[in-house]
Amino acid sequence: MKETIAGNLTRYRKAIDLSQEQLANLVSVTRQSINNYENAKTLPDSKTLSALARTLGVTLDDLLRPESRPVTPFRFRAHAGIDKQPQFATQVRRMLEIYQALEAAAGIPAYAPETHSCHQLPGNEALIQATAARFRRTLGLGETPILNLFAAVEELGLKVLRQPIATKGFFGLSACSFAQGAFVLINTHNISIEQQIFTLAQEIGHLIFHRDDYQDNLIKLENQGEEAREAVANYFAQHLLVPQTEFERFYQISPNLIQLKQHFRVSYQVILKRLSDMGRIDYGREIAKIRKIYKQRNGLSLSNCIELPPTLKAEEFPENERYQQLIWQALNRGNISELKAAELLNITLEELGVRRREAEVYAIP
């Protein structure tokens, strides 16, 4: 036990760049005490252990769990340096553990999209387009724009969570398990709804085409050919969100960038990419022109994290609806306590009680 706590304390402390002295001050113990804990000489008492967990941004269980112990049977795919952030990796595994437990309690079968390998775009365009069209049919769609991709894939059973994660360059990740299905985490921190939607579509592409590349550990992928795999997933996402036949039809009616992005509810960059693929524009030249106009009008640079107005409104895309519904189902069935439900919903017990009474008032017999 001493060795486990010692290793976890050191790992989590260094991950957030705290010295032993700084951590000691935050939890009101001496620096020598922290040194003793991290060298497995002494064990912190329960009060100090709780304070350490809270300060380091983890749970008590995270401090007590051996690092090598598998937490979930999931394999992961990510694109930012999150392997250097053990708190984040621990948080993701905890999310998955909770989500799959809620599904199991509700008796919901696991879901994952179809899978077959495709690791390069050239020569596989028709295959990727056909796969995107097939997935649209699975969603019950033809060529019509997707009003809310989050809700649509959650109805299939895909586990989706949207969370603010202040990690530069991190947009999302996906995970998959044979027994527990597929999961996608989307970063919402200073990221437009359009980019969140594209990230979800892109991760679905990776789940379909690159599942054999997923890894047991939540680390940044640096495999040879990663750029080619990104191109495949991006191409899939573009055709999932903007089907070719409808794009050509609407483009004939209105060859206007803003109207096209509004119609398909996507980023202006997706529209430009599609027009570039069709040979209608030079992407680099067109985006440079748009950015120049934007700066002249607004006095600001149009970076990749800024969407051209009008933008999709966040209130039209409620976050984590399926996850919250599962929590309420588990609570109503007596599978979790009110205290646990309030914790998972991030609300107070009082607010939970108010919501339960409201649900009873408006319940339909």
Protein backbone atom coordinates (compact mmCIF):
# COMPACT_ATOMS: atom_id res chain seq x y z
CA MET A 1 0.00 0.00 0.00
CA LYS A 2 2.79 2.45 0.89
CA GLU A 3 4.51 1.85 -2.45
CA THR A 4 1.26 2.32 -4.40
CA ILE A 5 0.41 5.61 -2.70
CA ALA A 6 4.01 6.78 -3.01
CA GLY A 7 4.09 6.16 -6.76
CA ASN A 8 0.72 7.75 -7.42
CA LEU A 9 1.46 10.83 -5.31
CA THR A 10 4.73 11.44 -7.13
CA ARG A 11 3.20 10.89 -10.57
CA TYR A 12 0.17 13.13 -10.05
CA ARG A 13 2.17 15.85 -8.28
CA LYS A 14 4.76 16.11 -11.04
CA ALA A 15 2.05 16.13 -13.70
CA ILE A 16 0.76 19.47 -12.42
CA ASP A 17 4.26 20.89 -11.74
CA LEU A 18 3.95 21.10 -7.98
CA SER A 19 7.02 20.86 -5.77
CA GLN A 20 6.86 18.82 -2.58
CA GLU A 21 6.91 22.05 -0.61
CA GLN A 22 4.03 23.57 -2.61
CA LEU A 23 1.92 20.43 -2.18
CA ALA A 24 2.72 20.38 1.54
CA ASN A 25 1.53 23.98 1.93
CA LEU A 26 -1.71 23.24 0.06
CA VAL A 27 -2.62 20.30 2.31
CA SER A 28 -1.22 21.78 5.54
CA VAL A 29 1.55 19.27 6.24
CA THR A 30 5.34 19.58 6.22
CA ARG A 31 7.51 19.09 3.17
CA GLN A 32 9.24 16.24 5.01
CA SER A 33 5.86 14.52 5.39
CA ILE A 34 5.31 14.66 1.62
CA ASN A 35 8.82 13.35 1.08
CA ASN A 36 8.12 10.46 3.46
CA TYR A 37 4.86 9.63 1.68
CA GLU A 38 6.54 9.64 -1.73
CA ASN A 39 9.41 7.47 -0.53
CA ALA A 40 6.99 4.96 1.04
CA LYS A 41 8.34 5.61 4.54
CA THR A 42 4.99 6.59 6.09
CA LEU A 43 1.31 6.55 5.16
CA PRO A 44 -0.85 9.69 5.26
CA ASP A 45 -3.85 9.50 7.57
CA SER A 46 -7.33 9.46 6.03
CA LYS A 47 -7.87 13.23 6.37
CA THR A 48 -4.54 14.04 4.73
CA LEU A 49 -5.12 11.44 2.02
CA SER A 50 -8.46 13.07 1.13
CA ALA A 51 -6.79 16.50 1.03
CA LEU A 52 -4.03 15.16 -1.23
CA ALA A 53 -6.54 13.63 -3.65
CA ARG A 54 -8.57 16.84 -3.79
CA THR A 55 -5.49 19.00 -4.38
CA LEU A 56 -4.11 16.72 -7.09
CA GLY A 57 -7.45 16.56 -8.90
CA VAL A 58 -8.04 12.82 -8.45
CA THR A 59 -10.14 10.54 -6.24
CA LEU A 60 -9.10 8.52 -3.21
CA ASP A 61 -9.45 5.39 -5.31
CA ASP A 62 -7.00 6.85 -7.83
CA LEU A 63 -4.38 7.25 -5.11
CA LEU A 64 -4.97 3.74 -3.76
CA ARG A 65 -5.12 1.93 -7.12
CA PRO A 66 -1.92 0.33 -8.45
CA GLU A 67 -0.94 2.08 -11.67
CA SER A 68 -0.58 -1.17 -13.58
CA ARG A 69 -4.04 -2.40 -12.63
CA PRO A 70 -6.35 -2.36 -15.67
CA VAL A 71 -9.38 -0.18 -15.08
CA THR A 72 -11.36 -0.74 -18.26
CA PRO A 73 -11.09 -3.15 -21.17
CA PHE A 74 -11.09 -0.22 -23.60
CA ARG A 75 -8.44 0.57 -26.19
CA PHE A 76 -7.83 4.23 -27.00
CA ARG A 77 -6.94 6.66 -29.70
CA ALA A 78 -5.85 10.27 -29.03
CA HIS A 79 -3.83 13.00 -30.75
CA ALA A 80 -2.53 15.32 -28.02
CA GLY A 81 0.20 14.84 -25.44
CA ILE A 82 -2.20 13.58 -22.79
CA ASP A 83 0.16 10.74 -21.90
CA LYS A 84 1.96 13.40 -19.85
CA GLN A 85 -1.24 14.16 -17.94
CA PRO A 86 -2.04 11.14 -15.73
CA GLN A 87 -4.90 13.00 -14.02
CA PHE A 88 -6.64 13.36 -17.37
CA ALA A 89 -6.06 9.73 -18.35
CA THR A 90 -7.45 8.67 -14.97
CA GLN A 91 -10.47 10.94 -15.43
CA VAL A 92 -11.24 9.47 -18.87
CA ARG A 93 -11.04 5.91 -17.56
CA ARG A 94 -13.33 6.86 -14.69
CA MET A 95 -15.86 8.36 -17.14
CA LEU A 96 -15.85 5.14 -19.14
CA GLU A 97 -16.17 2.98 -16.04
CA ILE A 98 -19.22 4.97 -14.88
CA TYR A 99 -20.84 5.14 -18.33
CA GLN A 100 -20.60 1.40 -18.97
CA ALA A 101 -21.89 0.66 -15.44
CA LEU A 102 -24.92 2.89 -16.08
CA GLU A 103 -25.60 1.14 -19.38
CA ALA A 104 -25.31 -2.26 -17.75
CA ALA A 105 -27.69 -1.21 -14.95
CA ALA A 106 -30.22 -0.07 -17.54
CA GLY A 107 -29.84 -3.32 -19.52
CA ILE A 108 -28.67 -1.47 -22.65
CA PRO A 109 -26.54 -3.49 -25.10
CA ALA A 110 -23.16 -2.14 -26.13
CA TYR A 111 -22.83 -0.46 -29.53
CA ALA A 112 -19.92 0.12 -31.87
CA PRO A 113 -19.99 1.07 -35.57
CA GLU A 114 -18.91 -1.31 -38.30
CA THR A 115 -15.19 -1.75 -38.74
CA HIS A 116 -12.84 -2.45 -41.63
CA SER A 117 -9.32 -1.19 -42.25
CA CYS A 118 -8.43 1.68 -44.54
CA HIS A 119 -5.16 3.49 -43.91
CA GLN A 120 -4.75 5.81 -46.87
CA LEU A 121 -7.02 8.13 -48.81
CA PRO A 122 -5.71 7.93 -52.41
CA GLY A 123 -7.54 5.17 -54.24
CA ASN A 124 -10.09 4.66 -51.45
CA GLU A 125 -12.29 7.73 -51.95
CA ALA A 126 -15.25 5.72 -53.28
CA LEU A 127 -15.01 3.22 -50.40
CA ILE A 128 -14.94 5.98 -47.79
CA GLN A 129 -17.84 7.84 -49.41
CA ALA A 130 -19.89 4.63 -49.52
CA THR A 131 -19.10 3.94 -45.85
CA ALA A 132 -20.21 7.46 -44.91
CA ALA A 133 -23.44 7.00 -46.88
CA ARG A 134 -24.05 3.65 -45.17
CA PHE A 135 -23.55 5.19 -41.74
CA ARG A 136 -26.01 7.96 -42.66
CA ARG A 137 -28.56 5.27 -43.50
CA THR A 138 -27.90 3.67 -40.12
CA LEU A 139 -28.81 7.05 -38.63
CA GLY A 140 -32.04 6.97 -40.61
CA LEU A 141 -30.90 9.70 -43.00
CA GLY A 142 -30.67 10.02 -46.73
CA GLU A 143 -29.09 13.13 -48.17
CA THR A 144 -30.61 15.58 -45.71
CA PRO A 145 -28.39 17.69 -43.43
CA ILE A 146 -27.83 16.27 -39.95
CA LEU A 147 -29.60 18.52 -37.45
CA ASN A 148 -27.78 17.19 -34.38
CA LEU A 149 -25.09 14.54 -34.84
CA PHE A 150 -24.58 14.20 -31.07
CA ALA A 151 -28.18 13.16 -30.49
CA ALA A 152 -28.30 11.01 -33.63
CA VAL A 153 -25.34 8.80 -32.72
CA GLU A 154 -26.40 8.61 -29.07
CA GLU A 155 -29.70 7.13 -30.23
CA LEU A 156 -27.67 4.35 -31.85
CA GLY A 157 -25.99 3.70 -28.50
CA LEU A 158 -22.62 5.36 -29.07
CA LYS A 159 -21.27 6.65 -25.77
CA VAL A 160 -20.53 10.38 -26.22
CA LEU A 161 -19.38 12.80 -23.55
CA ARG A 162 -18.60 16.49 -24.05
CA GLN A 163 -16.33 18.05 -21.43
CA PRO A 164 -14.22 21.21 -21.14
CA ILE A 165 -10.56 20.15 -21.17
CA ALA A 166 -7.97 22.93 -21.14
CA THR A 167 -5.35 21.07 -23.18
CA LYS A 168 -3.96 22.92 -26.18
CA GLY A 169 -4.48 21.08 -29.46
CA PHE A 170 -6.79 18.47 -27.95
CA PHE A 171 -10.17 18.16 -29.66
CA GLY A 172 -11.25 14.66 -28.74
CA LEU A 173 -10.49 10.97 -28.46
CA SER A 174 -12.21 7.68 -29.01
CA ALA A 175 -12.10 4.27 -27.37
CA CYS A 176 -13.56 0.88 -28.09
CA SER A 177 -14.10 -2.43 -26.35
CA PHE A 178 -15.45 -5.67 -27.79
CA ALA A 179 -17.76 -6.12 -24.82
CA GLN A 180 -18.60 -2.51 -23.87
CA GLY A 181 -18.84 -0.83 -27.28
CA ALA A 182 -17.49 2.52 -28.47
CA PHE A 183 -16.93 5.85 -26.73
CA VAL A 184 -16.06 9.35 -27.94
CA LEU A 185 -14.93 12.24 -25.74
CA ILE A 186 -15.29 15.74 -27.23
CA ASN A 187 -13.47 18.78 -25.86
CA THR A 188 -15.73 21.83 -25.45
CA HIS A 189 -13.13 24.24 -24.02
CA ASN A 190 -13.09 27.31 -26.33
CA ILE A 191 -14.13 25.10 -29.24
CA SER A 192 -17.03 25.96 -31.54
CA ILE A 193 -20.02 23.68 -31.94
CA GLU A 194 -19.05 23.25 -35.60
CA GLN A 195 -15.62 21.96 -34.61
CA GLN A 196 -17.11 19.69 -31.94
CA ILE A 197 -19.42 18.16 -34.54
CA PHE A 198 -16.56 17.62 -36.96
CA THR A 199 -14.45 16.02 -34.21
CA LEU A 200 -17.26 13.58 -33.45
CA ALA A 201 -17.61 12.67 -37.13
CA GLN A 202 -13.84 12.31 -37.44
CA GLU A 203 -13.60 10.01 -34.41
CA ILE A 204 -16.38 7.84 -35.84
CA GLY A 205 -14.22 7.57 -38.94
CA HIS A 206 -11.28 6.40 -36.84
CA LEU A 207 -13.51 3.88 -35.04
CA ILE A 208 -14.57 2.45 -38.39
CA PHE A 209 -11.28 2.45 -40.28
CA HIS A 210 -8.49 2.37 -37.67
CA ARG A 211 -9.72 0.32 -34.73
CA ASP A 212 -6.81 -2.09 -35.08
CA ASP A 213 -4.46 0.81 -34.25
CA TYR A 214 -6.05 1.59 -30.89
CA GLN A 215 -3.83 1.06 -27.85
CA ASP A 216 -4.30 -0.19 -24.30
CA ASN A 217 -2.82 2.99 -22.83
CA LEU A 218 -4.19 6.48 -23.27
CA ILE A 219 -1.16 7.95 -25.03
CA LYS A 220 -0.47 10.10 -28.04
CA LEU A 221 -0.24 8.12 -31.26
CA GLU A 222 3.02 8.67 -33.11
CA ASN A 223 2.86 5.70 -35.45
CA GLN A 224 4.17 5.88 -38.98
CA GLY A 225 1.37 6.79 -41.37
CA GLU A 226 -0.61 8.80 -38.81
CA GLU A 227 -1.03 11.72 -41.23
CA ALA A 228 -2.51 9.35 -43.82
CA ARG A 229 -4.97 7.92 -41.30
CA GLU A 230 -6.02 11.45 -40.33
CA ALA A 231 -6.73 12.15 -44.00
CA VAL A 232 -9.00 9.10 -44.17
CA ALA A 233 -10.95 10.11 -41.06
CA ASN A 234 -11.26 13.71 -42.25
CA TYR A 235 -12.56 12.63 -45.65
CA PHE A 236 -15.11 10.35 -43.99
CA ALA A 237 -16.25 13.16 -41.67
CA GLN A 238 -16.69 15.58 -44.57
CA HIS A 239 -18.89 13.14 -46.51
CA LEU A 240 -20.83 12.09 -43.43
CA LEU A 241 -21.74 15.70 -42.69
CA VAL A 242 -22.04 16.91 -46.30
CA PRO A 243 -23.29 14.16 -48.68
CA GLN A 244 -22.17 14.62 -52.27
CA THR A 245 -25.51 14.62 -54.11
CA GLU A 246 -27.15 17.15 -51.79
CA PHE A 247 -24.01 19.29 -51.80
CA GLU A 248 -23.96 19.50 -55.58
CA ARG A 249 -27.71 20.23 -55.68
CA PHE A 250 -27.58 23.03 -53.12
CA TYR A 251 -24.37 24.46 -54.59
CA GLN A 252 -26.18 24.93 -57.92
CA ILE A 253 -28.95 26.82 -56.12
CA SER A 254 -26.70 28.91 -53.88
CA PRO A 255 -22.92 28.97 -54.48
CA ASN A 256 -22.50 31.06 -51.33
CA LEU A 257 -20.13 29.96 -48.57
CA ILE A 258 -22.26 31.27 -45.69
CA GLN A 259 -25.50 29.77 -47.01
CA LEU A 260 -23.80 26.45 -47.68
CA LYS A 261 -22.40 26.24 -44.15
CA GLN A 262 -25.76 27.23 -42.67
CA HIS A 263 -27.62 24.63 -44.74
CA PHE A 264 -25.33 21.75 -43.74
CA ARG A 265 -24.67 23.08 -40.21
CA VAL A 266 -20.90 22.69 -40.51
CA SER A 267 -17.77 24.81 -40.37
CA TYR A 268 -16.93 27.05 -43.30
CA GLN A 269 -13.65 25.09 -43.60
CA VAL A 270 -15.56 21.88 -44.31
CA ILE A 271 -17.34 23.59 -47.19
CA LEU A 272 -14.05 24.93 -48.55
CA LYS A 273 -12.46 21.48 -48.33
CA ARG A 274 -15.33 19.93 -50.25
CA LEU A 275 -15.17 22.59 -52.96
CA SER A 276 -11.42 22.10 -53.17
CA ASP A 277 -11.82 18.31 -53.53
CA MET A 278 -14.27 18.95 -56.38
CA GLY A 279 -11.75 21.19 -58.11
CA ARG A 280 -13.95 24.29 -57.78
CA ILE A 281 -11.48 26.35 -55.70
CA ASP A 282 -7.89 26.46 -54.51
CA TYR A 283 -8.25 25.91 -50.74
CA GLY A 284 -5.13 27.79 -49.69
CA ARG A 285 -5.89 30.81 -51.85
CA GLU A 286 -9.56 30.94 -50.83
CA ILE A 287 -8.97 30.68 -47.10
CA ALA A 288 -6.25 33.34 -47.28
CA LYS A 289 -8.74 35.66 -49.00
CA ILE A 290 -11.43 34.98 -46.38
CA ARG A 291 -9.02 35.60 -43.52
CA LYS A 292 -7.90 38.87 -45.05
CA ILE A 293 -11.50 40.07 -45.38
CA TYR A 294 -12.28 38.95 -41.82
CA LYS A 295 -9.35 40.89 -40.38
CA GLN A 296 -10.28 44.02 -42.34
CA ARG A 297 -13.84 43.87 -41.02
CA ASN A 298 -13.18 42.77 -37.44
CA GLY A 299 -9.62 43.79 -36.67
CA LEU A 300 -8.90 40.21 -35.55
CA SER A 301 -7.18 37.25 -37.15
CA LEU A 302 -9.48 34.40 -38.20
CA SER A 303 -7.68 31.53 -36.47
CA ASN A 304 -8.65 27.87 -36.80
CA CYS A 305 -10.55 28.01 -33.51
CA ILE A 306 -12.85 30.82 -34.73
CA GLU A 307 -15.91 30.07 -36.83
CA LEU A 308 -17.30 32.47 -39.42
CA PRO A 309 -20.64 33.90 -38.28
CA PRO A 310 -23.43 33.05 -38.10
CA THR A 311 -22.44 30.19 -35.82
CA LEU A 312 -24.42 27.28 -34.42
CA LYS A 313 -25.84 28.03 -30.98
CA ALA A 314 -24.76 25.90 -28.02
CA GLU A 315 -28.30 25.85 -26.59
CA GLU A 316 -29.42 23.89 -29.66
CA PHE A 317 -27.01 21.11 -28.73
CA PRO A 318 -27.53 20.13 -25.07
CA GLU A 319 -24.55 18.29 -23.65
CA ASN A 320 -24.51 14.67 -22.47
CA GLU A 321 -28.28 14.09 -22.65
CA ARG A 322 -28.05 10.30 -22.93
CA TYR A 323 -25.56 10.08 -20.07
CA GLN A 324 -27.82 12.16 -17.83
CA GLN A 325 -30.87 10.08 -18.78
CA LEU A 326 -29.00 6.94 -17.76
CA ILE A 327 -28.18 8.49 -14.39
CA TRP A 328 -31.86 9.30 -13.79
CA GLN A 329 -32.88 5.78 -14.85
CA ALA A 330 -30.35 4.25 -12.47
CA LEU A 331 -31.59 6.49 -9.65
CA ASN A 332 -35.27 5.71 -10.27
CA ARG A 333 -34.53 1.98 -10.34
CA GLY A 334 -32.62 2.20 -7.07
CA ASN A 335 -29.30 1.22 -8.67
CA ILE A 336 -27.53 4.32 -7.35
CA SER A 337 -28.12 6.60 -4.37
CA GLU A 338 -29.32 10.19 -4.51
CA LEU A 339 -25.89 11.27 -3.30
CA LYS A 340 -24.18 9.44 -6.17
CA ALA A 341 -26.69 10.73 -8.72
CA ALA A 342 -26.16 14.32 -7.56
CA GLU A 343 -22.40 13.83 -7.80
CA LEU A 344 -22.61 12.44 -11.36
CA LEU A 345 -25.01 15.19 -12.46
CA ASN A 346 -22.82 17.81 -10.76
CA ILE A 347 -25.74 19.29 -8.82
CA THR A 348 -26.63 19.58 -5.14
CA LEU A 349 -28.87 17.13 -3.32
CA GLU A 350 -31.42 19.94 -2.95
CA GLU A 351 -31.48 20.57 -6.69
CA LEU A 352 -31.79 16.84 -7.32
CA GLY A 353 -34.85 16.75 -5.05
CA VAL A 354 -36.44 19.67 -6.88
CA ARG A 355 -35.93 18.00 -10.25
CA ARG A 356 -37.39 14.70 -9.01
CA ARG A 357 -40.51 16.47 -7.73
CA GLU A 358 -40.90 18.32 -11.02
CA ALA A 359 -40.60 15.04 -12.92
CA GLU A 360 -43.34 13.51 -10.75
CA VAL A 361 -45.65 16.49 -11.32
CA TYR A 362 -45.35 16.29 -15.10
CA ALA A 363 -45.24 12.50 -15.36
CA ILE A 364 -47.75 11.01 -17.81
CA PRO A 365 -49.54 7.92 -16.41
